[in-house]
């Protein structure tokens, strides 16, 4: 059963299947290493949204908003799957 997860990016909404969402989350974590360098925080990068051919231009501020939203969604799913 594939459930769609909706992510809001700069005024747009993108629906991803669960497996695509986990891949996208991992990709964002890898991008974090790029932005860790103080010289790279002023740059913008293109991020591919799996499995679409859509690319979004992201600066450090937008990246922080995006990773925060993705982490929040991930934590919500993680809590809902825990056995009580």
N, C-alpha and C. Protein backbone atom coordinates (compact mmCIF):
# COMPACT_ATOMS: atom_id res chain seq x y z
N UNK A 1 0.84 -1.18 0.00
CA UNK A 1 0.00 0.00 0.00
C UNK A 1 0.89 1.24 0.00
N UNK A 2 0.88 1.99 -1.07
CA UNK A 2 1.66 3.21 -1.17
C UNK A 2 0.79 4.40 -0.80
N UNK A 3 1.27 5.14 0.17
CA UNK A 3 0.58 6.35 0.58
C UNK A 3 1.36 7.55 0.07
N UNK A 4 0.66 8.53 -0.43
CA UNK A 4 1.33 9.74 -0.90
C UNK A 4 1.58 10.69 0.26
N UNK A 5 2.72 11.32 0.22
CA UNK A 5 3.11 12.31 1.21
C UNK A 5 3.29 13.63 0.47
N UNK A 6 2.63 14.66 0.95
CA UNK A 6 2.68 15.96 0.29
C UNK A 6 3.68 16.87 0.99
N UNK A 7 4.56 17.43 0.18
CA UNK A 7 5.56 18.37 0.67
C UNK A 7 5.28 19.72 0.03
N UNK A 8 5.29 20.76 0.83
CA UNK A 8 5.09 22.12 0.31
C UNK A 8 6.45 22.77 0.12
N UNK A 9 6.69 23.22 -1.11
CA UNK A 9 7.97 23.82 -1.46
C UNK A 9 7.71 25.18 -2.10
N UNK A 10 8.05 26.21 -1.38
CA UNK A 10 7.99 27.57 -1.93
C UNK A 10 6.67 27.87 -2.63
N UNK A 11 5.56 27.57 -1.95
CA UNK A 11 4.24 27.87 -2.50
C UNK A 11 3.63 26.78 -3.36
N UNK A 12 4.38 25.73 -3.66
CA UNK A 12 3.88 24.61 -4.46
C UNK A 12 3.79 23.36 -3.60
N UNK A 13 2.92 22.45 -3.98
CA UNK A 13 2.80 21.17 -3.28
C UNK A 13 3.20 20.05 -4.22
N UNK A 14 3.97 19.12 -3.70
CA UNK A 14 4.41 17.97 -4.48
C UNK A 14 4.08 16.71 -3.70
N UNK A 15 3.38 15.77 -4.34
CA UNK A 15 3.02 14.51 -3.71
C UNK A 15 4.04 13.44 -4.10
N UNK A 16 4.60 12.80 -3.09
CA UNK A 16 5.57 11.73 -3.30
C UNK A 16 5.05 10.45 -2.66
N UNK A 17 5.37 9.33 -3.27
CA UNK A 17 5.08 8.04 -2.63
C UNK A 17 6.05 7.89 -1.47
N UNK A 18 5.72 6.99 -0.54
CA UNK A 18 6.56 6.84 0.66
C UNK A 18 8.01 6.54 0.31
N UNK A 19 8.25 5.61 -0.61
CA UNK A 19 9.63 5.26 -0.94
C UNK A 19 10.37 6.44 -1.57
N UNK A 20 9.66 7.25 -2.35
CA UNK A 20 10.26 8.44 -2.95
C UNK A 20 10.56 9.48 -1.88
N UNK A 21 9.67 9.57 -0.90
CA UNK A 21 9.87 10.51 0.21
C UNK A 21 11.12 10.16 0.99
N UNK A 22 11.34 8.87 1.31
CA UNK A 22 12.52 8.47 2.08
C UNK A 22 13.79 8.76 1.28
N UNK A 23 13.73 8.52 -0.01
CA UNK A 23 14.88 8.82 -0.87
C UNK A 23 15.17 10.33 -0.87
N UNK A 24 14.11 11.13 -0.99
CA UNK A 24 14.25 12.59 -1.01
C UNK A 24 14.82 13.09 0.33
N UNK A 25 14.36 12.52 1.43
CA UNK A 25 14.87 12.90 2.76
C UNK A 25 16.36 12.61 2.84
N UNK A 26 16.76 11.44 2.39
CA UNK A 26 18.18 11.07 2.41
C UNK A 26 19.00 12.02 1.54
N UNK A 27 18.45 12.38 0.40
CA UNK A 27 19.14 13.31 -0.51
C UNK A 27 19.33 14.67 0.16
N UNK A 28 18.32 15.15 0.87
CA UNK A 28 18.43 16.43 1.58
C UNK A 28 19.50 16.37 2.67
N UNK A 29 19.60 15.23 3.34
CA UNK A 29 20.65 15.08 4.36
C UNK A 29 22.03 15.16 3.73
N UNK A 30 22.18 14.61 2.54
CA UNK A 30 23.47 14.69 1.84
C UNK A 30 23.77 16.12 1.41
N UNK A 31 22.76 16.85 1.01
CA UNK A 31 22.94 18.25 0.61
C UNK A 31 23.36 19.10 1.80
N UNK A 32 22.98 18.69 2.98
CA UNK A 32 23.35 19.43 4.19
C UNK A 32 24.86 19.59 4.30
N UNK A 33 25.61 18.59 3.87
CA UNK A 33 27.07 18.68 3.91
C UNK A 33 27.58 19.82 3.04
N UNK A 34 26.92 20.04 1.93
CA UNK A 34 27.30 21.14 1.04
C UNK A 34 27.12 22.49 1.75
N UNK A 35 25.98 22.64 2.41
CA UNK A 35 25.68 23.92 3.06
C UNK A 35 26.42 24.11 4.38
N UNK A 36 27.05 23.07 4.90
CA UNK A 36 27.81 23.21 6.15
C UNK A 36 28.99 24.15 5.98
N UNK A 37 29.54 24.21 4.79
CA UNK A 37 30.64 25.12 4.52
C UNK A 37 30.11 26.55 4.51
N UNK A 38 30.74 27.42 5.27
CA UNK A 38 30.25 28.79 5.38
C UNK A 38 30.27 29.51 4.03
N UNK A 39 31.19 29.15 3.15
CA UNK A 39 31.26 29.81 1.84
C UNK A 39 30.12 29.37 0.93
N UNK A 40 29.56 28.17 1.17
CA UNK A 40 28.50 27.66 0.31
C UNK A 40 27.11 28.12 0.72
N UNK A 41 26.96 28.73 1.87
CA UNK A 41 25.64 29.16 2.33
C UNK A 41 25.07 30.29 1.48
N UNK A 42 25.92 30.98 0.76
CA UNK A 42 25.43 32.08 -0.08
C UNK A 42 25.05 31.60 -1.48
N UNK A 43 25.28 30.33 -1.78
CA UNK A 43 25.00 29.79 -3.11
C UNK A 43 23.61 29.16 -3.18
N UNK A 44 23.10 29.04 -4.40
CA UNK A 44 21.86 28.31 -4.65
C UNK A 44 22.20 27.05 -5.43
N UNK A 45 21.40 26.00 -5.23
CA UNK A 45 21.62 24.74 -5.93
C UNK A 45 20.29 24.27 -6.53
N UNK A 46 20.38 23.34 -7.47
CA UNK A 46 19.19 22.71 -8.03
C UNK A 46 19.01 21.35 -7.37
N UNK A 47 17.80 21.09 -6.91
CA UNK A 47 17.47 19.81 -6.29
C UNK A 47 16.43 19.12 -7.17
N UNK A 48 16.69 17.86 -7.50
CA UNK A 48 15.75 17.06 -8.28
C UNK A 48 14.72 16.45 -7.33
N UNK A 49 13.46 16.52 -7.71
CA UNK A 49 12.38 15.91 -6.93
C UNK A 49 12.10 14.54 -7.54
N UNK A 50 12.42 13.46 -6.81
CA UNK A 50 12.20 12.13 -7.37
C UNK A 50 10.72 11.80 -7.43
N UNK A 51 10.23 11.05 -8.33
CA UNK A 51 10.79 10.55 -9.57
C UNK A 51 10.48 11.50 -10.72
N UNK A 52 10.09 12.72 -10.40
CA UNK A 52 9.74 13.68 -11.44
C UNK A 52 10.99 14.20 -12.13
N UNK A 53 10.79 14.92 -13.18
CA UNK A 53 11.91 15.59 -13.83
C UNK A 53 11.98 17.04 -13.36
N UNK A 54 11.28 17.32 -12.28
CA UNK A 54 11.22 18.67 -11.72
C UNK A 54 12.47 18.98 -10.90
N UNK A 55 13.04 20.14 -11.16
CA UNK A 55 14.16 20.64 -10.38
C UNK A 55 13.72 21.94 -9.73
N UNK A 56 14.13 22.15 -8.49
CA UNK A 56 13.84 23.42 -7.83
C UNK A 56 15.16 24.08 -7.44
N UNK A 57 15.18 25.39 -7.58
CA UNK A 57 16.36 26.16 -7.18
C UNK A 57 16.20 26.51 -5.71
N UNK A 58 17.20 26.13 -4.91
CA UNK A 58 17.10 26.27 -3.47
C UNK A 58 18.32 27.01 -2.94
N UNK A 59 18.06 28.05 -2.17
CA UNK A 59 19.15 28.69 -1.44
C UNK A 59 19.16 28.13 -0.01
N UNK A 60 20.08 28.59 0.80
CA UNK A 60 20.23 28.03 2.15
C UNK A 60 18.96 28.24 2.99
N UNK A 61 18.35 29.40 2.89
CA UNK A 61 17.15 29.69 3.68
C UNK A 61 16.00 28.76 3.29
N UNK A 62 15.76 28.61 2.00
CA UNK A 62 14.70 27.72 1.53
C UNK A 62 15.02 26.26 1.87
N UNK A 63 16.29 25.90 1.80
CA UNK A 63 16.71 24.55 2.18
C UNK A 63 16.36 24.27 3.64
N UNK A 64 16.63 25.22 4.52
CA UNK A 64 16.33 25.05 5.94
C UNK A 64 14.84 24.84 6.17
N UNK A 65 14.01 25.58 5.46
CA UNK A 65 12.56 25.42 5.57
C UNK A 65 12.15 24.04 5.07
N UNK A 66 12.71 23.62 3.96
CA UNK A 66 12.38 22.33 3.35
C UNK A 66 12.81 21.17 4.23
N UNK A 67 14.02 21.20 4.75
CA UNK A 67 14.50 20.09 5.59
C UNK A 67 13.71 20.03 6.90
N UNK A 68 13.30 21.18 7.40
CA UNK A 68 12.50 21.22 8.63
C UNK A 68 11.14 20.56 8.39
N UNK A 69 10.51 20.86 7.25
CA UNK A 69 9.21 20.27 6.94
C UNK A 69 9.33 18.76 6.72
N UNK A 70 10.34 18.34 5.98
CA UNK A 70 10.54 16.92 5.71
C UNK A 70 10.83 16.17 7.01
N UNK A 71 11.63 16.74 7.88
CA UNK A 71 11.94 16.10 9.17
C UNK A 71 10.69 16.00 10.03
N UNK A 72 9.86 17.04 10.01
CA UNK A 72 8.61 17.02 10.77
C UNK A 72 7.70 15.90 10.28
N UNK A 73 7.55 15.77 8.97
CA UNK A 73 6.72 14.70 8.40
C UNK A 73 7.30 13.34 8.76
N UNK A 74 8.62 13.20 8.64
CA UNK A 74 9.28 11.94 8.98
C UNK A 74 9.03 11.57 10.44
N UNK A 75 9.19 12.52 11.34
CA UNK A 75 8.99 12.25 12.77
C UNK A 75 7.55 11.89 13.08
N UNK A 76 6.60 12.49 12.37
CA UNK A 76 5.19 12.15 12.56
C UNK A 76 4.94 10.69 12.17
N UNK A 77 5.48 10.27 11.04
CA UNK A 77 5.34 8.87 10.61
C UNK A 77 6.06 7.93 11.56
N UNK A 78 7.21 8.33 12.02
CA UNK A 78 7.99 7.51 12.94
C UNK A 78 7.22 7.28 14.24
N UNK A 79 6.62 8.34 14.79
CA UNK A 79 5.85 8.21 16.02
C UNK A 79 4.60 7.36 15.82
N UNK A 80 3.95 7.49 14.68
CA UNK A 80 2.73 6.73 14.44
C UNK A 80 3.00 5.23 14.27
N UNK A 81 4.24 4.88 13.91
CA UNK A 81 4.58 3.47 13.72
C UNK A 81 5.12 2.80 14.97
N UNK A 82 5.39 3.57 16.01
CA UNK A 82 5.92 2.99 17.24
C UNK A 82 4.84 2.19 17.95
N UNK A 83 5.24 1.06 18.51
CA UNK A 83 4.32 0.21 19.26
C UNK A 83 4.18 0.77 20.67
N UNK A 84 2.95 0.91 21.10
CA UNK A 84 2.72 1.50 22.43
C UNK A 84 2.33 0.44 23.41
